[in-house]
């Protein structure tokens, strides 16, 4: 007979449960190690920020050429 709150049956049932998440697993591009499949969900502004960054760096580079 088990004593206390934590019995073996209760612990074994909790350890068998797996966390089910709605986030996609794997890779966005199958052969690429980056980015992960949940990248777009975690960083939705990334394309916008990357575009602005490219424009700013491009303008800075063109101003150096003059």
C-alpha atoms as a PDB file:
ATOM      1  CA  UNK A   1       0.000   0.000   0.000  1.00  0.00           C
ATOM      2  CA  UNK A   2       1.415   3.391  -1.016  1.00  0.00           C
ATOM      3  CA  UNK A   3       1.625   6.235   1.416  1.00  0.00           C
ATOM      4  CA  UNK A   4       1.636   9.933   0.618  1.00  0.00           C
ATOM      5  CA  UNK A   5       0.365  11.921  -2.321  1.00  0.00           C
ATOM      6  CA  UNK A   6       2.689  10.748  -5.080  1.00  0.00           C
ATOM      7  CA  UNK A   7       1.954   7.159  -5.971  1.00  0.00           C
ATOM      8  CA  UNK A   8       3.752   5.190  -8.652  1.00  0.00           C
ATOM      9  CA  UNK A   9       0.612   4.937 -10.783  1.00  0.00           C
ATOM     10  CA  UNK A  10       0.087   8.695 -10.755  1.00  0.00           C
ATOM     11  CA  UNK A  11       3.722   9.416 -11.637  1.00  0.00           C
ATOM     12  CA  UNK A  12       3.829   6.890 -14.468  1.00  0.00           C
ATOM     13  CA  UNK A  13       0.667   8.350 -16.047  1.00  0.00           C
ATOM     14  CA  UNK A  14       2.084  11.883 -15.943  1.00  0.00           C
ATOM     15  CA  UNK A  15       5.404  10.856 -17.435  1.00  0.00           C
ATOM     16  CA  UNK A  16       3.679   9.070 -20.344  1.00  0.00           C
ATOM     17  CA  UNK A  17       1.762  12.202 -21.405  1.00  0.00           C
ATOM     18  CA  UNK A  18       3.388  14.151 -24.194  1.00  0.00           C
ATOM     19  CA  UNK A  19       2.984  17.866 -24.738  1.00  0.00           C
ATOM     20  CA  UNK A  20       0.979  18.344 -27.907  1.00  0.00           C
ATOM     21  CA  UNK A  21       1.593  21.687 -29.568  1.00  0.00           C
ATOM     22  CA  UNK A  22      -0.035  23.294 -32.565  1.00  0.00           C
ATOM     23  CA  UNK A  23       3.310  24.587 -33.815  1.00  0.00           C
ATOM     24  CA  UNK A  24       4.590  22.877 -36.937  1.00  0.00           C
ATOM     25  CA  UNK A  25       7.654  20.723 -36.507  1.00  0.00           C
ATOM     26  CA  UNK A  26      10.554  20.200 -38.880  1.00  0.00           C
ATOM     27  CA  UNK A  27      11.949  22.656 -41.408  1.00  0.00           C
ATOM     28  CA  UNK A  28      10.350  25.270 -43.635  1.00  0.00           C
ATOM     29  CA  UNK A  29      12.613  24.159 -46.506  1.00  0.00           C
ATOM     30  CA  UNK A  30      13.158  20.410 -46.267  1.00  0.00           C
ATOM     31  CA  UNK A  31      16.841  20.392 -47.278  1.00  0.00           C
ATOM     32  CA  UNK A  32      17.829  23.511 -45.346  1.00  0.00           C
ATOM     33  CA  UNK A  33      18.974  23.501 -41.721  1.00  0.00           C
ATOM     34  CA  UNK A  34      17.377  26.954 -41.307  1.00  0.00           C
ATOM     35  CA  UNK A  35      14.715  28.285 -40.707  1.00  0.00           C
ATOM     36  CA  UNK A  36      12.579  26.048 -38.517  1.00  0.00           C
ATOM     37  CA  UNK A  37       8.952  25.511 -39.555  1.00  0.00           C
ATOM     38  CA  UNK A  38       7.612  27.772 -36.791  1.00  0.00           C
ATOM     39  CA  UNK A  39       9.831  30.714 -37.829  1.00  0.00           C
ATOM     40  CA  UNK A  40       7.023  32.617 -39.582  1.00  0.00           C
ATOM     41  CA  UNK A  41       4.729  32.212 -36.598  1.00  0.00           C
ATOM     42  CA  UNK A  42       7.347  33.447 -34.124  1.00  0.00           C
ATOM     43  CA  UNK A  43       8.687  36.349 -36.192  1.00  0.00           C
ATOM     44  CA  UNK A  44       5.863  37.650 -38.413  1.00  0.00           C
ATOM     45  CA  UNK A  45       7.592  41.021 -39.070  1.00  0.00           C
ATOM     46  CA  UNK A  46      10.837  39.460 -40.308  1.00  0.00           C
ATOM     47  CA  UNK A  47      10.222  40.007 -44.079  1.00  0.00           C
ATOM     48  CA  UNK A  48       9.315  43.666 -43.487  1.00  0.00           C
ATOM     49  CA  UNK A  49      12.325  44.316 -41.246  1.00  0.00           C
ATOM     50  CA  UNK A  50      14.663  42.529 -43.658  1.00  0.00           C
ATOM     51  CA  UNK A  51      13.361  44.625 -46.582  1.00  0.00           C
ATOM     52  CA  UNK A  52      13.864  47.878 -44.674  1.00  0.00           C
ATOM     53  CA  UNK A  53      17.353  46.770 -43.656  1.00  0.00           C
ATOM     54  CA  UNK A  54      18.309  45.948 -47.246  1.00  0.00           C
ATOM     55  CA  UNK A  55      17.025  49.330 -48.452  1.00  0.00           C
ATOM     56  CA  UNK A  56      18.932  51.237 -45.758  1.00  0.00           C
ATOM     57  CA  UNK A  57      22.179  49.352 -46.389  1.00  0.00           C
ATOM     58  CA  UNK A  58      21.712  49.768 -50.158  1.00  0.00           C
ATOM     59  CA  UNK A  59      21.248  53.529 -49.815  1.00  0.00           C
ATOM     60  CA  UNK A  60      24.292  53.768 -47.576  1.00  0.00           C
ATOM     61  CA  UNK A  61      26.366  51.772 -50.077  1.00  0.00           C
ATOM     62  CA  UNK A  62      25.207  53.921 -53.020  1.00  0.00           C
ATOM     63  CA  UNK A  63      26.013  57.103 -51.101  1.00  0.00           C
ATOM     64  CA  UNK A  64      29.560  55.828 -50.581  1.00  0.00           C
ATOM     65  CA  UNK A  65      29.998  55.298 -54.318  1.00  0.00           C
ATOM     66  CA  UNK A  66      29.271  58.966 -55.095  1.00  0.00           C
END
